[in-house]
mmCIF file of all heavy atoms, coordinates in Angstrom:
data_MODEL
# 
_entry.id   MODEL 
# 
loop_
_atom_site.group_PDB 
_atom_site.id 
_atom_site.type_symbol 
_atom_site.label_atom_id 
_atom_site.label_alt_id 
_atom_site.label_comp_id 
_atom_site.label_asym_id 
_atom_site.label_entity_id 
_atom_site.label_seq_id 
_atom_site.pdbx_PDB_ins_code 
_atom_site.Cartn_x 
_atom_site.Cartn_y 
_atom_site.Cartn_z 
_atom_site.occupancy 
_atom_site.B_iso_or_equiv 
_atom_site.pdbx_formal_charge 
_atom_site.auth_seq_id 
_atom_site.auth_comp_id 
_atom_site.auth_asym_id 
_atom_site.auth_atom_id 
_atom_site.pdbx_PDB_model_num 
ATOM 1   N N   . HIS A 1 1  ? -11.443 -64.047 -39.248 1.00 0.00 ? 1  HIS A N   1 
ATOM 2   C CA  . HIS A 1 1  ? -11.886 -62.814 -39.942 1.00 0.00 ? 1  HIS A CA  1 
ATOM 3   C C   . HIS A 1 1  ? -13.487 -63.015 -40.156 1.00 0.00 ? 1  HIS A C   1 
ATOM 4   O O   . HIS A 1 1  ? -13.919 -64.080 -40.315 1.00 0.00 ? 1  HIS A O   1 
ATOM 5   C CB  . HIS A 1 1  ? -11.264 -62.758 -41.325 1.00 0.00 ? 1  HIS A CB  1 
ATOM 6   C CG  . HIS A 1 1  ? -9.783  -62.675 -41.299 1.00 0.00 ? 1  HIS A CG  1 
ATOM 7   N ND1 . HIS A 1 1  ? -9.098  -61.472 -41.178 1.00 0.00 ? 1  HIS A ND1 1 
ATOM 8   C CD2 . HIS A 1 1  ? -8.862  -63.630 -41.271 1.00 0.00 ? 1  HIS A CD2 1 
ATOM 9   C CE1 . HIS A 1 1  ? -7.766  -61.723 -41.144 1.00 0.00 ? 1  HIS A CE1 1 
ATOM 10  N NE2 . HIS A 1 1  ? -7.623  -63.019 -41.276 1.00 0.00 ? 1  HIS A NE2 1 
ATOM 11  N N   . LYS A 1 2  ? -14.108 -61.863 -40.139 1.00 0.00 ? 2  LYS A N   1 
ATOM 12  C CA  . LYS A 1 2  ? -15.583 -61.882 -40.366 1.00 0.00 ? 2  LYS A CA  1 
ATOM 13  C C   . LYS A 1 2  ? -15.867 -61.985 -41.828 1.00 0.00 ? 2  LYS A C   1 
ATOM 14  O O   . LYS A 1 2  ? -15.334 -61.240 -42.707 1.00 0.00 ? 2  LYS A O   1 
ATOM 15  C CB  . LYS A 1 2  ? -16.277 -60.559 -39.794 1.00 0.00 ? 2  LYS A CB  1 
ATOM 16  C CG  . LYS A 1 2  ? -17.785 -60.628 -39.915 1.00 0.00 ? 2  LYS A CG  1 
ATOM 17  C CD  . LYS A 1 2  ? -18.403 -59.262 -39.411 1.00 0.00 ? 2  LYS A CD  1 
ATOM 18  C CE  . LYS A 1 2  ? -18.290 -59.217 -37.933 1.00 0.00 ? 2  LYS A CE  1 
ATOM 19  N NZ  . LYS A 1 2  ? -19.050 -58.091 -37.362 1.00 0.00 ? 2  LYS A NZ  1 
ATOM 20  N N   . SER A 1 3  ? -16.705 -62.959 -42.080 1.00 0.00 ? 3  SER A N   1 
ATOM 21  C CA  . SER A 1 3  ? -17.145 -63.169 -43.530 1.00 0.00 ? 3  SER A CA  1 
ATOM 22  C C   . SER A 1 3  ? -18.744 -63.110 -43.516 1.00 0.00 ? 3  SER A C   1 
ATOM 23  O O   . SER A 1 3  ? -19.288 -63.141 -42.420 1.00 0.00 ? 3  SER A O   1 
ATOM 24  C CB  . SER A 1 3  ? -16.680 -64.542 -44.068 1.00 0.00 ? 3  SER A CB  1 
ATOM 25  O OG  . SER A 1 3  ? -17.036 -64.678 -45.402 1.00 0.00 ? 3  SER A OG  1 
ATOM 26  N N   . HIS A 1 4  ? -19.301 -63.116 -44.674 1.00 0.00 ? 4  HIS A N   1 
ATOM 27  C CA  . HIS A 1 4  ? -20.695 -62.957 -44.688 1.00 0.00 ? 4  HIS A CA  1 
ATOM 28  C C   . HIS A 1 4  ? -21.359 -63.884 -45.820 1.00 0.00 ? 4  HIS A C   1 
ATOM 29  O O   . HIS A 1 4  ? -20.741 -64.176 -46.777 1.00 0.00 ? 4  HIS A O   1 
ATOM 30  C CB  . HIS A 1 4  ? -21.212 -61.533 -45.072 1.00 0.00 ? 4  HIS A CB  1 
ATOM 31  C CG  . HIS A 1 4  ? -20.664 -60.507 -44.130 1.00 0.00 ? 4  HIS A CG  1 
ATOM 32  N ND1 . HIS A 1 4  ? -19.321 -60.070 -44.143 1.00 0.00 ? 4  HIS A ND1 1 
ATOM 33  C CD2 . HIS A 1 4  ? -21.257 -59.835 -43.103 1.00 0.00 ? 4  HIS A CD2 1 
ATOM 34  C CE1 . HIS A 1 4  ? -19.187 -59.131 -43.163 1.00 0.00 ? 4  HIS A CE1 1 
ATOM 35  N NE2 . HIS A 1 4  ? -20.325 -59.058 -42.571 1.00 0.00 ? 4  HIS A NE2 1 
ATOM 36  N N   . ASN A 1 5  ? -22.626 -64.248 -45.521 1.00 0.00 ? 5  ASN A N   1 
ATOM 37  C CA  . ASN A 1 5  ? -23.557 -64.796 -46.529 1.00 0.00 ? 5  ASN A CA  1 
ATOM 38  C C   . ASN A 1 5  ? -24.601 -63.707 -46.785 1.00 0.00 ? 5  ASN A C   1 
ATOM 39  O O   . ASN A 1 5  ? -25.112 -63.107 -45.837 1.00 0.00 ? 5  ASN A O   1 
ATOM 40  C CB  . ASN A 1 5  ? -24.172 -66.121 -46.068 1.00 0.00 ? 5  ASN A CB  1 
ATOM 41  C CG  . ASN A 1 5  ? -23.290 -67.209 -45.863 1.00 0.00 ? 5  ASN A CG  1 
ATOM 42  O OD1 . ASN A 1 5  ? -22.347 -67.438 -46.768 1.00 0.00 ? 5  ASN A OD1 1 
ATOM 43  N ND2 . ASN A 1 5  ? -23.422 -67.988 -44.846 1.00 0.00 ? 5  ASN A ND2 1 
ATOM 44  N N   . ILE A 1 6  ? -24.993 -63.604 -48.046 1.00 0.00 ? 6  ILE A N   1 
ATOM 45  C CA  . ILE A 1 6  ? -26.139 -62.709 -48.410 1.00 0.00 ? 6  ILE A CA  1 
ATOM 46  C C   . ILE A 1 6  ? -27.302 -63.596 -48.869 1.00 0.00 ? 6  ILE A C   1 
ATOM 47  O O   . ILE A 1 6  ? -27.036 -64.478 -49.730 1.00 0.00 ? 6  ILE A O   1 
ATOM 48  C CB  . ILE A 1 6  ? -25.759 -61.599 -49.317 1.00 0.00 ? 6  ILE A CB  1 
ATOM 49  C CG1 . ILE A 1 6  ? -27.007 -60.737 -49.674 1.00 0.00 ? 6  ILE A CG1 1 
ATOM 50  C CG2 . ILE A 1 6  ? -25.102 -62.120 -50.557 1.00 0.00 ? 6  ILE A CG2 1 
ATOM 51  C CD1 . ILE A 1 6  ? -26.711 -59.466 -50.474 1.00 0.00 ? 6  ILE A CD1 1 
ATOM 52  N N   . ILE A 1 7  ? -28.558 -63.421 -48.274 1.00 0.00 ? 7  ILE A N   1 
ATOM 53  C CA  . ILE A 1 7  ? -29.598 -64.341 -48.634 1.00 0.00 ? 7  ILE A CA  1 
ATOM 54  C C   . ILE A 1 7  ? -30.727 -63.472 -49.205 1.00 0.00 ? 7  ILE A C   1 
ATOM 55  O O   . ILE A 1 7  ? -31.280 -62.583 -48.526 1.00 0.00 ? 7  ILE A O   1 
ATOM 56  C CB  . ILE A 1 7  ? -30.127 -65.103 -47.432 1.00 0.00 ? 7  ILE A CB  1 
ATOM 57  C CG1 . ILE A 1 7  ? -28.897 -65.833 -46.751 1.00 0.00 ? 7  ILE A CG1 1 
ATOM 58  C CG2 . ILE A 1 7  ? -31.213 -66.030 -47.731 1.00 0.00 ? 7  ILE A CG2 1 
ATOM 59  C CD1 . ILE A 1 7  ? -28.319 -65.112 -45.535 1.00 0.00 ? 7  ILE A CD1 1 
ATOM 60  N N   . ALA A 1 8  ? -31.159 -63.749 -50.394 1.00 0.00 ? 8  ALA A N   1 
ATOM 61  C CA  . ALA A 1 8  ? -32.284 -63.084 -51.081 1.00 0.00 ? 8  ALA A CA  1 
ATOM 62  C C   . ALA A 1 8  ? -33.428 -64.075 -51.199 1.00 0.00 ? 8  ALA A C   1 
ATOM 63  O O   . ALA A 1 8  ? -33.286 -65.197 -51.710 1.00 0.00 ? 8  ALA A O   1 
ATOM 64  C CB  . ALA A 1 8  ? -31.845 -62.530 -52.395 1.00 0.00 ? 8  ALA A CB  1 
ATOM 65  N N   . THR A 1 9  ? -34.602 -63.650 -50.739 1.00 0.00 ? 9  THR A N   1 
ATOM 66  C CA  . THR A 1 9  ? -35.831 -64.526 -50.641 1.00 0.00 ? 9  THR A CA  1 
ATOM 67  C C   . THR A 1 9  ? -36.909 -63.876 -51.491 1.00 0.00 ? 9  THR A C   1 
ATOM 68  O O   . THR A 1 9  ? -37.369 -62.785 -51.252 1.00 0.00 ? 9  THR A O   1 
ATOM 69  C CB  . THR A 1 9  ? -36.270 -64.766 -49.208 1.00 0.00 ? 9  THR A CB  1 
ATOM 70  O OG1 . THR A 1 9  ? -35.177 -65.285 -48.479 1.00 0.00 ? 9  THR A OG1 1 
ATOM 71  C CG2 . THR A 1 9  ? -37.471 -65.790 -49.167 1.00 0.00 ? 9  THR A CG2 1 
ATOM 72  N N   . ARG A 1 10 ? -37.497 -64.752 -52.434 1.00 0.00 ? 10 ARG A N   1 
ATOM 73  C CA  . ARG A 1 10 ? -38.614 -64.316 -53.164 1.00 0.00 ? 10 ARG A CA  1 
ATOM 74  C C   . ARG A 1 10 ? -39.787 -65.228 -52.689 1.00 0.00 ? 10 ARG A C   1 
ATOM 75  O O   . ARG A 1 10 ? -39.746 -66.467 -52.918 1.00 0.00 ? 10 ARG A O   1 
ATOM 76  C CB  . ARG A 1 10 ? -38.366 -64.461 -54.632 1.00 0.00 ? 10 ARG A CB  1 
ATOM 77  C CG  . ARG A 1 10 ? -39.562 -64.047 -55.545 1.00 0.00 ? 10 ARG A CG  1 
ATOM 78  C CD  . ARG A 1 10 ? -39.217 -64.069 -57.078 1.00 0.00 ? 10 ARG A CD  1 
ATOM 79  N NE  . ARG A 1 10 ? -40.317 -63.664 -57.857 1.00 0.00 ? 10 ARG A NE  1 
ATOM 80  C CZ  . ARG A 1 10 ? -40.620 -62.413 -58.239 1.00 0.00 ? 10 ARG A CZ  1 
ATOM 81  N NH1 . ARG A 1 10 ? -39.854 -61.460 -57.763 1.00 0.00 ? 10 ARG A NH1 1 
ATOM 82  N NH2 . ARG A 1 10 ? -41.661 -62.169 -59.042 1.00 0.00 ? 10 ARG A NH2 1 
ATOM 83  N N   . SER A 1 11 ? -40.674 -64.660 -52.074 1.00 0.00 ? 11 SER A N   1 
ATOM 84  C CA  . SER A 1 11 ? -41.753 -65.388 -51.312 1.00 0.00 ? 11 SER A CA  1 
ATOM 85  C C   . SER A 1 11 ? -42.893 -65.792 -52.316 1.00 0.00 ? 11 SER A C   1 
ATOM 86  O O   . SER A 1 11 ? -43.142 -65.054 -53.365 1.00 0.00 ? 11 SER A O   1 
ATOM 87  C CB  . SER A 1 11 ? -42.409 -64.588 -50.195 1.00 0.00 ? 11 SER A CB  1 
ATOM 88  O OG  . SER A 1 11 ? -41.421 -64.215 -49.264 1.00 0.00 ? 11 SER A OG  1 
ATOM 89  N N   . PRO A 1 12 ? -43.563 -66.832 -52.061 1.00 0.00 ? 12 PRO A N   1 
ATOM 90  C CA  . PRO A 1 12 ? -44.696 -67.230 -52.939 1.00 0.00 ? 12 PRO A CA  1 
ATOM 91  C C   . PRO A 1 12 ? -45.956 -66.423 -52.572 1.00 0.00 ? 12 PRO A C   1 
ATOM 92  O O   . PRO A 1 12 ? -45.987 -65.651 -51.635 1.00 0.00 ? 12 PRO A O   1 
ATOM 93  C CB  . PRO A 1 12 ? -44.965 -68.668 -52.565 1.00 0.00 ? 12 PRO A CB  1 
ATOM 94  C CG  . PRO A 1 12 ? -44.454 -68.846 -51.136 1.00 0.00 ? 12 PRO A CG  1 
ATOM 95  C CD  . PRO A 1 12 ? -43.336 -67.864 -50.984 1.00 0.00 ? 12 PRO A CD  1 
ATOM 96  N N   . LYS A 1 13 ? -47.014 -66.538 -53.423 1.00 0.00 ? 13 LYS A N   1 
ATOM 97  C CA  . LYS A 1 13 ? -48.218 -65.852 -53.091 1.00 0.00 ? 13 LYS A CA  1 
ATOM 98  C C   . LYS A 1 13 ? -48.899 -66.310 -51.858 1.00 0.00 ? 13 LYS A C   1 
ATOM 99  O O   . LYS A 1 13 ? -49.440 -65.573 -51.010 1.00 0.00 ? 13 LYS A O   1 
ATOM 100 C CB  . LYS A 1 13 ? -49.243 -66.100 -54.271 1.00 0.00 ? 13 LYS A CB  1 
ATOM 101 C CG  . LYS A 1 13 ? -48.770 -65.619 -55.591 1.00 0.00 ? 13 LYS A CG  1 
ATOM 102 C CD  . LYS A 1 13 ? -49.789 -65.937 -56.692 1.00 0.00 ? 13 LYS A CD  1 
ATOM 103 C CE  . LYS A 1 13 ? -49.302 -65.483 -58.093 1.00 0.00 ? 13 LYS A CE  1 
ATOM 104 N NZ  . LYS A 1 13 ? -50.293 -65.954 -59.147 1.00 0.00 ? 13 LYS A NZ  1 
ATOM 105 N N   . GLY A 1 14 ? -48.892 -67.676 -51.573 1.00 0.00 ? 14 GLY A N   1 
ATOM 106 C CA  . GLY A 1 14 ? -49.552 -68.194 -50.397 1.00 0.00 ? 14 GLY A CA  1 
ATOM 107 C C   . GLY A 1 14 ? -48.585 -68.844 -49.432 1.00 0.00 ? 14 GLY A C   1 
ATOM 108 O O   . GLY A 1 14 ? -47.447 -68.332 -49.278 1.00 0.00 ? 14 GLY A O   1 
ATOM 109 N N   . GLU A 1 15 ? -49.058 -69.813 -48.764 1.00 0.00 ? 15 GLU A N   1 
ATOM 110 C CA  . GLU A 1 15 ? -48.219 -70.496 -47.735 1.00 0.00 ? 15 GLU A CA  1 
ATOM 111 C C   . GLU A 1 15 ? -47.040 -71.130 -48.361 1.00 0.00 ? 15 GLU A C   1 
ATOM 112 O O   . GLU A 1 15 ? -47.114 -71.796 -49.440 1.00 0.00 ? 15 GLU A O   1 
ATOM 113 C CB  . GLU A 1 15 ? -49.041 -71.508 -47.042 1.00 0.00 ? 15 GLU A CB  1 
ATOM 114 C CG  . GLU A 1 15 ? -48.299 -72.280 -45.946 1.00 0.00 ? 15 GLU A CG  1 
ATOM 115 C CD  . GLU A 1 15 ? -49.145 -73.467 -45.347 1.00 0.00 ? 15 GLU A CD  1 
ATOM 116 O OE1 . GLU A 1 15 ? -50.381 -73.549 -45.774 1.00 0.00 ? 15 GLU A OE1 1 
ATOM 117 O OE2 . GLU A 1 15 ? -48.672 -74.197 -44.565 1.00 0.00 ? 15 GLU A OE2 1 
ATOM 118 N N   . VAL A 1 16 ? -45.836 -71.040 -47.660 1.00 0.00 ? 16 VAL A N   1 
ATOM 119 C CA  . VAL A 1 16 ? -44.646 -71.690 -48.206 1.00 0.00 ? 16 VAL A CA  1 
ATOM 120 C C   . VAL A 1 16 ? -44.761 -73.195 -47.941 1.00 0.00 ? 16 VAL A C   1 
ATOM 121 O O   . VAL A 1 16 ? -44.720 -73.621 -46.712 1.00 0.00 ? 16 VAL A O   1 
ATOM 122 C CB  . VAL A 1 16 ? -43.436 -71.128 -47.513 1.00 0.00 ? 16 VAL A CB  1 
ATOM 123 C CG1 . VAL A 1 16 ? -42.161 -71.904 -48.071 1.00 0.00 ? 16 VAL A CG1 1 
ATOM 124 C CG2 . VAL A 1 16 ? -43.274 -69.656 -47.781 1.00 0.00 ? 16 VAL A CG2 1 
ATOM 125 N N   . LYS A 1 17 ? -44.832 -74.019 -48.920 1.00 0.00 ? 17 LYS A N   1 
ATOM 126 C CA  . LYS A 1 17 ? -44.911 -75.475 -48.766 1.00 0.00 ? 17 LYS A CA  1 
ATOM 127 C C   . LYS A 1 17 ? -43.645 -76.211 -49.209 1.00 0.00 ? 17 LYS A C   1 
ATOM 128 O O   . LYS A 1 17 ? -43.367 -77.313 -48.845 1.00 0.00 ? 17 LYS A O   1 
ATOM 129 C CB  . LYS A 1 17 ? -46.129 -76.015 -49.551 1.00 0.00 ? 17 LYS A CB  1 
ATOM 130 C CG  . LYS A 1 17 ? -47.493 -75.486 -49.063 1.00 0.00 ? 17 LYS A CG  1 
ATOM 131 C CD  . LYS A 1 17 ? -48.651 -76.117 -49.767 1.00 0.00 ? 17 LYS A CD  1 
ATOM 132 C CE  . LYS A 1 17 ? -49.985 -75.645 -49.151 1.00 0.00 ? 17 LYS A CE  1 
ATOM 133 N NZ  . LYS A 1 17 ? -51.104 -76.215 -49.893 1.00 0.00 ? 17 LYS A NZ  1 
ATOM 134 N N   . LYS A 1 18 ? -42.895 -75.540 -50.094 1.00 0.00 ? 18 LYS A N   1 
ATOM 135 C CA  . LYS A 1 18 ? -41.579 -76.131 -50.440 1.00 0.00 ? 18 LYS A CA  1 
ATOM 136 C C   . LYS A 1 18 ? -40.651 -74.951 -50.847 1.00 0.00 ? 18 LYS A C   1 
ATOM 137 O O   . LYS A 1 18 ? -41.100 -73.807 -51.086 1.00 0.00 ? 18 LYS A O   1 
ATOM 138 C CB  . LYS A 1 18 ? -41.695 -77.170 -51.541 1.00 0.00 ? 18 LYS A CB  1 
ATOM 139 C CG  . LYS A 1 18 ? -42.399 -76.587 -52.778 1.00 0.00 ? 18 LYS A CG  1 
ATOM 140 C CD  . LYS A 1 18 ? -42.485 -77.700 -53.807 1.00 0.00 ? 18 LYS A CD  1 
ATOM 141 C CE  . LYS A 1 18 ? -43.227 -77.283 -55.067 1.00 0.00 ? 18 LYS A CE  1 
ATOM 142 N NZ  . LYS A 1 18 ? -43.409 -78.306 -56.109 1.00 0.00 ? 18 LYS A NZ  1 
ATOM 143 N N   . ARG A 1 19 ? -39.389 -75.259 -50.964 1.00 0.00 ? 19 ARG A N   1 
ATOM 144 C CA  . ARG A 1 19 ? -38.384 -74.211 -51.089 1.00 0.00 ? 19 ARG A CA  1 
ATOM 145 C C   . ARG A 1 19 ? -37.235 -74.746 -51.964 1.00 0.00 ? 19 ARG A C   1 
ATOM 146 O O   . ARG A 1 19 ? -36.803 -75.851 -51.859 1.00 0.00 ? 19 ARG A O   1 
ATOM 147 C CB  . ARG A 1 19 ? -37.780 -73.778 -49.716 1.00 0.00 ? 19 ARG A CB  1 
ATOM 148 C CG  . ARG A 1 19 ? -36.642 -72.822 -49.743 1.00 0.00 ? 19 ARG A CG  1 
ATOM 149 C CD  . ARG A 1 19 ? -36.057 -72.680 -48.346 1.00 0.00 ? 19 ARG A CD  1 
ATOM 150 N NE  . ARG A 1 19 ? -37.009 -72.185 -47.344 1.00 0.00 ? 19 ARG A NE  1 
ATOM 151 C CZ  . ARG A 1 19 ? -37.390 -72.891 -46.264 1.00 0.00 ? 19 ARG A CZ  1 
ATOM 152 N NH1 . ARG A 1 19 ? -36.972 -74.101 -46.089 1.00 0.00 ? 19 ARG A NH1 1 
ATOM 153 N NH2 . ARG A 1 19 ? -38.262 -72.349 -45.491 1.00 0.00 ? 19 ARG A NH2 1 
ATOM 154 N N   . ILE A 1 20 ? -36.740 -73.878 -52.809 1.00 0.00 ? 20 ILE A N   1 
ATOM 155 C CA  . ILE A 1 20 ? -35.579 -74.128 -53.625 1.00 0.00 ? 20 ILE A CA  1 
ATOM 156 C C   . ILE A 1 20 ? -34.533 -73.085 -53.395 1.00 0.00 ? 20 ILE A C   1 
ATOM 157 O O   . ILE A 1 20 ? -34.852 -71.845 -53.384 1.00 0.00 ? 20 ILE A O   1 
ATOM 158 C CB  . ILE A 1 20 ? -35.843 -74.326 -55.144 1.00 0.00 ? 20 ILE A CB  1 
ATOM 159 C CG1 . ILE A 1 20 ? -34.528 -74.782 -55.882 1.00 0.00 ? 20 ILE A CG1 1 
ATOM 160 C CG2 . ILE A 1 20 ? -36.502 -73.115 -55.754 1.00 0.00 ? 20 ILE A CG2 1 
ATOM 161 C CD1 . ILE A 1 20 ? -34.801 -75.272 -57.308 1.00 0.00 ? 20 ILE A CD1 1 
ATOM 162 N N   . ILE A 1 21 ? -33.240 -73.523 -53.106 1.00 0.00 ? 21 ILE A N   1 
ATOM 163 C CA  . ILE A 1 21 ? -32.206 -72.514 -52.871 1.00 0.00 ? 21 ILE A CA  1 
ATOM 164 C C   . ILE A 1 21 ? -31.160 -72.631 -53.990 1.00 0.00 ? 21 ILE A C   1 
ATOM 165 O O   . ILE A 1 21 ? -30.637 -73.755 -54.287 1.00 0.00 ? 21 ILE A O   1 
ATOM 166 C CB  . ILE A 1 21 ? -31.642 -72.788 -51.526 1.00 0.00 ? 21 ILE A CB  1 
ATOM 167 C CG1 . ILE A 1 21 ? -32.642 -72.582 -50.394 1.00 0.00 ? 21 ILE A CG1 1 
ATOM 168 C CG2 . ILE A 1 21 ? -30.393 -71.877 -51.224 1.00 0.00 ? 21 ILE A CG2 1 
ATOM 169 C CD1 . ILE A 1 21 ? -32.090 -72.971 -49.026 1.00 0.00 ? 21 ILE A CD1 1 
ATOM 170 N N   . LEU A 1 22 ? -30.742 -71.574 -54.580 1.00 0.00 ? 22 LEU A N   1 
ATOM 171 C CA  . LEU A 1 22 ? -29.643 -71.482 -55.456 1.00 0.00 ? 22 LEU A CA  1 
ATOM 172 C C   . LEU A 1 22 ? -28.541 -70.810 -54.719 1.00 0.00 ? 22 LEU A C   1 
ATOM 173 O O   . LEU A 1 22 ? -28.644 -69.739 -54.184 1.00 0.00 ? 22 LEU A O   1 
ATOM 174 C CB  . LEU A 1 22 ? -29.965 -70.709 -56.745 1.00 0.00 ? 22 LEU A CB  1 
ATOM 175 C CG  . LEU A 1 22 ? -31.233 -71.172 -57.477 1.00 0.00 ? 22 LEU A CG  1 
ATOM 176 C CD1 . LEU A 1 22 ? -31.450 -70.339 -58.742 1.00 0.00 ? 22 LEU A CD1 1 
ATOM 177 C CD2 . LEU A 1 22 ? -31.060 -72.605 -57.932 1.00 0.00 ? 22 LEU A CD2 1 
ATOM 178 N N   . VAL A 1 23 ? -27.339 -71.482 -54.694 1.00 0.00 ? 23 VAL A N   1 
ATOM 179 C CA  . VAL A 1 23 ? -26.175 -70.864 -54.022 1.00 0.00 ? 23 VAL A CA  1 
ATOM 180 C C   . VAL A 1 23 ? -24.939 -70.820 -54.822 1.00 0.00 ? 23 VAL A C   1 
ATOM 181 O O   . VAL A 1 23 ? -24.679 -71.729 -55.650 1.00 0.00 ? 23 VAL A O   1 
ATOM 182 C CB  . VAL A 1 23 ? -25.939 -71.723 -52.715 1.00 0.00 ? 23 VAL A CB  1 
ATOM 183 C CG1 . VAL A 1 23 ? -25.631 -73.158 -52.970 1.00 0.00 ? 23 VAL A CG1 1 
ATOM 184 C CG2 . VAL A 1 23 ? -24.752 -71.121 -51.892 1.00 0.00 ? 23 VAL A CG2 1 
ATOM 185 N N   . ALA A 1 24 ? -24.241 -69.711 -54.756 1.00 0.00 ? 24 ALA A N   1 
ATOM 186 C CA  . ALA A 1 24 ? -22.945 -69.559 -55.362 1.00 0.00 ? 24 ALA A CA  1 
ATOM 187 C C   . ALA A 1 24 ? -22.009 -68.728 -54.525 1.00 0.00 ? 24 ALA A C   1 
ATOM 188 O O   . ALA A 1 24 ? -22.579 -67.876 -53.814 1.00 0.00 ? 24 ALA A O   1 
ATOM 189 C CB  . ALA A 1 24 ? -23.161 -68.930 -56.763 1.00 0.00 ? 24 ALA A CB  1 
ATOM 190 N N   . HIS A 1 25 ? -20.729 -68.903 -54.620 1.00 0.00 ? 25 HIS A N   1 
ATOM 191 C CA  . HIS A 1 25 ? -19.909 -68.156 -53.722 1.00 0.00 ? 25 HIS A CA  1 
ATOM 192 C C   . HIS A 1 25 ? -19.335 -66.923 -54.285 1.00 0.00 ? 25 HIS A C   1 
ATOM 193 O O   . HIS A 1 25 ? -19.000 -66.889 -55.480 1.00 0.00 ? 25 HIS A O   1 
ATOM 194 C CB  . HIS A 1 25 ? -18.722 -69.116 -53.141 1.00 0.00 ? 25 HIS A CB  1 
ATOM 195 C CG  . HIS A 1 25 ? -17.699 -69.448 -54.192 1.00 0.00 ? 25 HIS A CG  1 
ATOM 196 N ND1 . HIS A 1 25 ? -16.600 -68.757 -54.490 1.00 0.00 ? 25 HIS A ND1 1 
ATOM 197 C CD2 . HIS A 1 25 ? -17.726 -70.577 -55.020 1.00 0.00 ? 25 HIS A CD2 1 
ATOM 198 C CE1 . HIS A 1 25 ? -15.933 -69.426 -55.405 1.00 0.00 ? 25 HIS A CE1 1 
ATOM 199 N NE2 . HIS A 1 25 ? -16.554 -70.620 -55.779 1.00 0.00 ? 25 HIS A NE2 1 
# 
């Protein structure tokens, strides 16, 4: 069956140097 992930990204002001991901199902 087809399932999905939805990904929301809030970008920084400048260059992306590190990233934190919060995930819940």
